[in-house]
Amino acid sequence: MAQSSSNGIGFTGLLLIIFITLKLLGKIAWSWWWVLSPAWIAAILFVLVVFFIVIGVAIHEAVKKK
């Protein structure tokens, strides 16, 4: 089986770097909440995915016990 390794920064990381750079250069007047939004949106999505996986496993285990 072939292994794949992704060491790139990804779309969210690139967007975050662009937003921070634009903010520090004074090109955008957004609040830091919006500048850092790619990071916290990705974090929220990750938490939601983990949450639904845990719920799915719990439901699967409950059904399996019956």
PDB file of N, CA and C in Angstrom:
ATOM      1  N   MET A   1       0.841  -1.171   0.000  1.00  0.00           N
ATOM      2  CA  MET A   1       0.000   0.000   0.000  1.00  0.00           C
ATOM      3  C   MET A   1       0.892   1.242   0.000  1.00  0.00           C
ATOM      4  N   ALA A   2       0.586   2.190  -0.843  1.00  0.00           N
ATOM      5  CA  ALA A   2       1.376   3.416  -0.950  1.00  0.00           C
ATOM      6  C   ALA A   2       0.976   4.395   0.145  1.00  0.00           C
ATOM      7  N   GLN A   3       1.964   5.036   0.692  1.00  0.00           N
ATOM      8  CA  GLN A   3       1.681   6.032   1.728  1.00  0.00           C
ATOM      9  C   GLN A   3       1.740   7.429   1.116  1.00  0.00           C
ATOM     10  N   SER A   4       0.856   8.271   1.591  1.00  0.00           N
ATOM     11  CA  SER A   4       0.815   9.651   1.140  1.00  0.00           C
ATOM     12  C   SER A   4       1.101  10.558   2.321  1.00  0.00           C
ATOM     13  N   SER A   5       1.940  11.547   2.092  1.00  0.00           N
ATOM     14  CA  SER A   5       2.272  12.482   3.159  1.00  0.00           C
ATOM     15  C   SER A   5       2.079  13.902   2.656  1.00  0.00           C
ATOM     16  N   SER A   6       1.259  14.649   3.368  1.00  0.00           N
ATOM     17  CA  SER A   6       1.013  16.040   3.000  1.00  0.00           C
ATOM     18  C   SER A   6       1.687  16.939   4.021  1.00  0.00           C
ATOM     19  N   ASN A   7       2.705  17.633   3.594  1.00  0.00           N
ATOM     20  CA  ASN A   7       3.412  18.537   4.490  1.00  0.00           C
ATOM     21  C   ASN A   7       3.158  19.995   4.136  1.00  0.00           C
ATOM     22  N   GLY A   8       2.188  20.236   3.271  1.00  0.00           N
ATOM     23  CA  GLY A   8       1.890  21.593   2.849  1.00  0.00           C
ATOM     24  C   GLY A   8       1.145  22.373   3.917  1.00  0.00           C
ATOM     25  N   ILE A   9       1.036  23.658   3.681  1.00  0.00           N
ATOM     26  CA  ILE A   9       0.402  24.541   4.656  1.00  0.00           C
ATOM     27  C   ILE A   9      -1.119  24.468   4.553  1.00  0.00           C
ATOM     28  N   GLY A  10      -1.645  24.148   3.419  1.00  0.00           N
ATOM     29  CA  GLY A  10      -3.087  24.045   3.249  1.00  0.00           C
ATOM     30  C   GLY A  10      -3.737  25.386   2.962  1.00  0.00           C
ATOM     31  N   PHE A  11      -4.967  25.308   2.495  1.00  0.00           N
ATOM     32  CA  PHE A  11      -5.713  26.512   2.116  1.00  0.00           C
ATOM     33  C   PHE A  11      -5.971  27.426   3.312  1.00  0.00           C
ATOM     34  N   THR A  12      -6.375  26.827   4.424  1.00  0.00           N
ATOM     35  CA  THR A  12      -6.702  27.639   5.602  1.00  0.00           C
ATOM     36  C   THR A  12      -5.474  28.345   6.142  1.00  0.00           C
ATOM     37  N   GLY A  13      -4.359  27.639   6.189  1.00  0.00           N
ATOM     38  CA  GLY A  13      -3.118  28.249   6.670  1.00  0.00           C
ATOM     39  C   GLY A  13      -2.657  29.382   5.769  1.00  0.00           C
ATOM     40  N   LEU A  14      -2.774  29.176   4.463  1.00  0.00           N
ATOM     41  CA  LEU A  14      -2.396  30.216   3.513  1.00  0.00           C
ATOM     42  C   LEU A  14      -3.295  31.441   3.657  1.00  0.00           C
ATOM     43  N   LEU A  15      -4.585  31.203   3.785  1.00  0.00           N
ATOM     44  CA  LEU A  15      -5.537  32.300   3.964  1.00  0.00           C
ATOM     45  C   LEU A  15      -5.238  33.070   5.252  1.00  0.00           C
ATOM     46  N   LEU A  16      -4.906  32.346   6.309  1.00  0.00           N
ATOM     47  CA  LEU A  16      -4.570  32.974   7.582  1.00  0.00           C
ATOM     48  C   LEU A  16      -3.327  33.856   7.449  1.00  0.00           C
ATOM     49  N   ILE A  17      -2.303  33.356   6.775  1.00  0.00           N
ATOM     50  CA  ILE A  17      -1.070  34.134   6.571  1.00  0.00           C
ATOM     51  C   ILE A  17      -1.351  35.385   5.750  1.00  0.00           C
ATOM     52  N   ILE A  18      -2.172  35.243   4.718  1.00  0.00           N
ATOM     53  CA  ILE A  18      -2.529  36.401   3.883  1.00  0.00           C
ATOM     54  C   ILE A  18      -3.268  37.445   4.702  1.00  0.00           C
ATOM     55  N   PHE A  19      -4.263  37.012   5.482  1.00  0.00           N
ATOM     56  CA  PHE A  19      -5.041  37.946   6.296  1.00  0.00           C
ATOM     57  C   PHE A  19      -4.156  38.658   7.324  1.00  0.00           C
ATOM     58  N   ILE A  20      -3.284  37.915   7.997  1.00  0.00           N
ATOM     59  CA  ILE A  20      -2.392  38.530   8.999  1.00  0.00           C
ATOM     60  C   ILE A  20      -1.464  39.533   8.338  1.00  0.00           C
ATOM     61  N   THR A  21      -0.908  39.161   7.187  1.00  0.00           N
ATOM     62  CA  THR A  21      -0.007  40.065   6.465  1.00  0.00           C
ATOM     63  C   THR A  21      -0.729  41.345   6.065  1.00  0.00           C
ATOM     64  N   LEU A  22      -1.919  41.202   5.513  1.00  0.00           N
ATOM     65  CA  LEU A  22      -2.681  42.385   5.105  1.00  0.00           C
ATOM     66  C   LEU A  22      -3.034  43.267   6.297  1.00  0.00           C
ATOM     67  N   LYS A  23      -3.361  42.647   7.427  1.00  0.00           N
ATOM     68  CA  LYS A  23      -3.686  43.405   8.639  1.00  0.00           C
ATOM     69  C   LYS A  23      -2.463  44.174   9.137  1.00  0.00           C
ATOM     70  N   LEU A  24      -1.311  43.498   9.194  1.00  0.00           N
ATOM     71  CA  LEU A  24      -0.100  44.146   9.703  1.00  0.00           C
ATOM     72  C   LEU A  24       0.411  45.240   8.761  1.00  0.00           C
ATOM     73  N   LEU A  25       0.144  45.100   7.472  1.00  0.00           N
ATOM     74  CA  LEU A  25       0.540  46.128   6.512  1.00  0.00           C
ATOM     75  C   LEU A  25      -0.471  47.274   6.429  1.00  0.00           C
ATOM     76  N   GLY A  26      -1.577  47.140   7.141  1.00  0.00           N
ATOM     77  CA  GLY A  26      -2.586  48.199   7.146  1.00  0.00           C
ATOM     78  C   GLY A  26      -3.459  48.223   5.914  1.00  0.00           C
ATOM     79  N   LYS A  27      -3.486  47.136   5.151  1.00  0.00           N
ATOM     80  CA  LYS A  27      -4.291  47.084   3.928  1.00  0.00           C
ATOM     81  C   LYS A  27      -5.750  46.765   4.209  1.00  0.00           C
ATOM     82  N   ILE A  28      -6.022  46.135   5.354  1.00  0.00           N
ATOM     83  CA  ILE A  28      -7.399  45.858   5.753  1.00  0.00           C
ATOM     84  C   ILE A  28      -7.595  46.383   7.170  1.00  0.00           C
ATOM     85  N   ALA A  29      -8.793  46.832   7.462  1.00  0.00           N
ATOM     86  CA  ALA A  29      -9.097  47.397   8.782  1.00  0.00           C
ATOM     87  C   ALA A  29     -10.009  46.480   9.576  1.00  0.00           C
ATOM     88  N   TRP A  30      -9.919  45.175   9.310  1.00  0.00           N
ATOM     89  CA  TRP A  30     -10.758  44.208  10.003  1.00  0.00           C
ATOM     90  C   TRP A  30     -10.315  44.069  11.447  1.00  0.00           C
ATOM     91  N   SER A  31     -11.228  43.613  12.285  1.00  0.00           N
ATOM     92  CA  SER A  31     -10.841  43.285  13.650  1.00  0.00           C
ATOM     93  C   SER A  31     -10.018  41.997  13.599  1.00  0.00           C
ATOM     94  N   TRP A  32      -9.264  41.758  14.677  1.00  0.00           N
ATOM     95  CA  TRP A  32      -8.432  40.554  14.726  1.00  0.00           C
ATOM     96  C   TRP A  32      -9.288  39.290  14.741  1.00  0.00           C
ATOM     97  N   TRP A  33     -10.549  39.388  15.191  1.00  0.00           N
ATOM     98  CA  TRP A  33     -11.439  38.235  15.154  1.00  0.00           C
ATOM     99  C   TRP A  33     -11.625  37.751  13.721  1.00  0.00           C
ATOM    100  N   TRP A  34     -11.815  38.686  12.793  1.00  0.00           N
ATOM    101  CA  TRP A  34     -12.010  38.313  11.390  1.00  0.00           C
ATOM    102  C   TRP A  34     -10.700  37.896  10.745  1.00  0.00           C
ATOM    103  N   VAL A  35      -9.622  38.547  11.115  1.00  0.00           N
ATOM    104  CA  VAL A  35      -8.319  38.187  10.556  1.00  0.00           C
ATOM    105  C   VAL A  35      -7.973  36.741  10.922  1.00  0.00           C
ATOM    106  N   LEU A  36      -8.266  36.359  12.151  1.00  0.00           N
ATOM    107  CA  LEU A  36      -7.947  35.011  12.618  1.00  0.00           C
ATOM    108  C   LEU A  36      -9.074  34.002  12.368  1.00  0.00           C
ATOM    109  N   SER A  37     -10.124  34.420  11.680  1.00  0.00           N
ATOM    110  CA  SER A  37     -11.275  33.547  11.460  1.00  0.00           C
ATOM    111  C   SER A  37     -10.952  32.238  10.741  1.00  0.00           C
ATOM    112  N   PRO A  38     -10.022  32.197   9.789  1.00  0.00           N
ATOM    113  CA  PRO A  38      -9.734  30.882   9.195  1.00  0.00           C
ATOM    114  C   PRO A  38      -9.271  29.859  10.236  1.00  0.00           C
ATOM    115  N   ALA A  39      -8.534  30.289  11.238  1.00  0.00           N
ATOM    116  CA  ALA A  39      -8.050  29.363  12.266  1.00  0.00           C
ATOM    117  C   ALA A  39      -9.190  28.884  13.156  1.00  0.00           C
ATOM    118  N   TRP A  40     -10.024  29.815  13.630  1.00  0.00           N
ATOM    119  CA  TRP A  40     -11.072  29.360  14.539  1.00  0.00           C
ATOM    120  C   TRP A  40     -12.210  28.655  13.822  1.00  0.00           C
ATOM    121  N   ILE A  41     -12.457  28.979  12.562  1.00  0.00           N
ATOM    122  CA  ILE A  41     -13.470  28.250  11.803  1.00  0.00           C
ATOM    123  C   ILE A  41     -13.010  26.816  11.562  1.00  0.00           C
ATOM    124  N   ALA A  42     -11.738  26.645  11.224  1.00  0.00           N
ATOM    125  CA  ALA A  42     -11.195  25.295  11.042  1.00  0.00           C
ATOM    126  C   ALA A  42     -11.250  24.515  12.352  1.00  0.00           C
ATOM    127  N   ALA A  43     -10.951  25.174  13.455  1.00  0.00           N
ATOM    128  CA  ALA A  43     -10.993  24.506  14.759  1.00  0.00           C
ATOM    129  C   ALA A  43     -12.413  24.090  15.120  1.00  0.00           C
ATOM    130  N   ILE A  44     -13.384  24.943  14.857  1.00  0.00           N
ATOM    131  CA  ILE A  44     -14.783  24.625  15.142  1.00  0.00           C
ATOM    132  C   ILE A  44     -15.247  23.446  14.282  1.00  0.00           C
ATOM    133  N   LEU A  45     -14.873  23.449  13.009  1.00  0.00           N
ATOM    134  CA  LEU A  45     -15.246  22.342  12.135  1.00  0.00           C
ATOM    135  C   LEU A  45     -14.624  21.032  12.606  1.00  0.00           C
ATOM    136  N   PHE A  46     -13.368  21.089  13.038  1.00  0.00           N
ATOM    137  CA  PHE A  46     -12.695  19.896  13.552  1.00  0.00           C
ATOM    138  C   PHE A  46     -13.421  19.351  14.781  1.00  0.00           C
ATOM    139  N   VAL A  47     -13.769  20.246  15.701  1.00  0.00           N
ATOM    140  CA  VAL A  47     -14.483  19.824  16.919  1.00  0.00           C
ATOM    141  C   VAL A  47     -15.837  19.213  16.555  1.00  0.00           C
ATOM    142  N   LEU A  48     -16.541  19.798  15.600  1.00  0.00           N
ATOM    143  CA  LEU A  48     -17.836  19.252  15.180  1.00  0.00           C
ATOM    144  C   LEU A  48     -17.689  17.861  14.570  1.00  0.00           C
ATOM    145  N   VAL A  49     -16.672  17.676  13.737  1.00  0.00           N
ATOM    146  CA  VAL A  49     -16.452  16.363  13.131  1.00  0.00           C
ATOM    147  C   VAL A  49     -16.152  15.326  14.203  1.00  0.00           C
ATOM    148  N   VAL A  50     -15.278  15.672  15.140  1.00  0.00           N
ATOM    149  CA  VAL A  50     -14.961  14.750  16.230  1.00  0.00           C
ATOM    150  C   VAL A  50     -16.217  14.449  17.055  1.00  0.00           C
ATOM    151  N   PHE A  51     -17.014  15.459  17.337  1.00  0.00           N
ATOM    152  CA  PHE A  51     -18.245  15.288  18.101  1.00  0.00           C
ATOM    153  C   PHE A  51     -19.181  14.287  17.416  1.00  0.00           C
ATOM    154  N   PHE A  52     -19.386  14.468  16.108  1.00  0.00           N
ATOM    155  CA  PHE A  52     -20.289  13.580  15.386  1.00  0.00           C
ATOM    156  C   PHE A  52     -19.728  12.165  15.273  1.00  0.00           C
ATOM    157  N   ILE A  53     -18.420  12.033  15.179  1.00  0.00           N
ATOM    158  CA  ILE A  53     -17.815  10.701  15.167  1.00  0.00           C
ATOM    159  C   ILE A  53     -18.049  10.008  16.508  1.00  0.00           C
ATOM    160  N   VAL A  54     -17.841  10.741  17.602  1.00  0.00           N
ATOM    161  CA  VAL A  54     -18.063  10.167  18.936  1.00  0.00           C
ATOM    162  C   VAL A  54     -19.526   9.766  19.114  1.00  0.00           C
ATOM    163  N   ILE A  55     -20.447  10.614  18.679  1.00  0.00           N
ATOM    164  CA  ILE A  55     -21.878  10.296  18.764  1.00  0.00           C
ATOM    165  C   ILE A  55     -22.189   9.069  17.912  1.00  0.00           C
ATOM    166  N   GLY A  56     -21.632   9.005  16.712  1.00  0.00           N
ATOM    167  CA  GLY A  56     -21.864   7.855  15.837  1.00  0.00           C
ATOM    168  C   GLY A  56     -21.344   6.562  16.441  1.00  0.00           C
ATOM    169  N   VAL A  57     -20.160   6.606  17.038  1.00  0.00           N
ATOM    170  CA  VAL A  57     -19.601   5.417  17.684  1.00  0.00           C
ATOM    171  C   VAL A  57     -20.464   5.010  18.878  1.00  0.00           C
ATOM    172  N   ALA A  58     -20.922   5.973  19.649  1.00  0.00           N
ATOM    173  CA  ALA A  58     -21.772   5.673  20.803  1.00  0.00           C
ATOM    174  C   ALA A  58     -23.079   5.023  20.364  1.00  0.00           C
ATOM    175  N   ILE A  59     -23.673   5.541  19.313  1.00  0.00           N
ATOM    176  CA  ILE A  59     -24.921   4.959  18.798  1.00  0.00           C
ATOM    177  C   ILE A  59     -24.667   3.553  18.276  1.00  0.00           C
ATOM    178  N   HIS A  60     -23.569   3.384  17.563  1.00  0.00           N
ATOM    179  CA  HIS A  60     -23.218   2.065  17.024  1.00  0.00           C
ATOM    180  C   HIS A  60     -23.022   1.044  18.139  1.00  0.00           C
ATOM    181  N   GLU A  61     -22.332   1.451  19.196  1.00  0.00           N
ATOM    182  CA  GLU A  61     -22.107   0.553  20.343  1.00  0.00           C
ATOM    183  C   GLU A  61     -23.413   0.230  21.056  1.00  0.00           C
ATOM    184  N   ALA A  62     -24.305   1.219  21.179  1.00  0.00           N
ATOM    185  CA  ALA A  62     -25.593   0.994  21.835  1.00  0.00           C
ATOM    186  C   ALA A  62     -26.449   0.018  21.036  1.00  0.00           C
ATOM    187  N   VAL A  63     -26.428   0.156  19.716  1.00  0.00           N
ATOM    188  CA  VAL A  63     -27.202  -0.740  18.859  1.00  0.00           C
ATOM    189  C   VAL A  63     -26.590  -2.143  18.895  1.00  0.00           C
ATOM    190  N   LYS A  64     -25.282  -2.212  18.935  1.00  0.00           N
ATOM    191  CA  LYS A  64     -24.584  -3.501  18.948  1.00  0.00           C
ATOM    192  C   LYS A  64     -24.874  -4.286  20.225  1.00  0.00           C
ATOM    193  N   LYS A  65     -25.077  -3.577  21.337  1.00  0.00           N
ATOM    194  CA  LYS A  65     -25.351  -4.239  22.623  1.00  0.00           C
ATOM    195  C   LYS A  65     -26.741  -4.863  22.660  1.00  0.00           C
ATOM    196  N   LYS A  66     -27.673  -4.351  21.882  1.00  0.00           N
ATOM    197  CA  LYS A  66     -29.073  -4.843  21.905  1.00  0.00           C
ATOM    198  C   LYS A  66     -29.201  -6.151  21.238  1.00  0.00           C
TER     199      LYS A  66
END
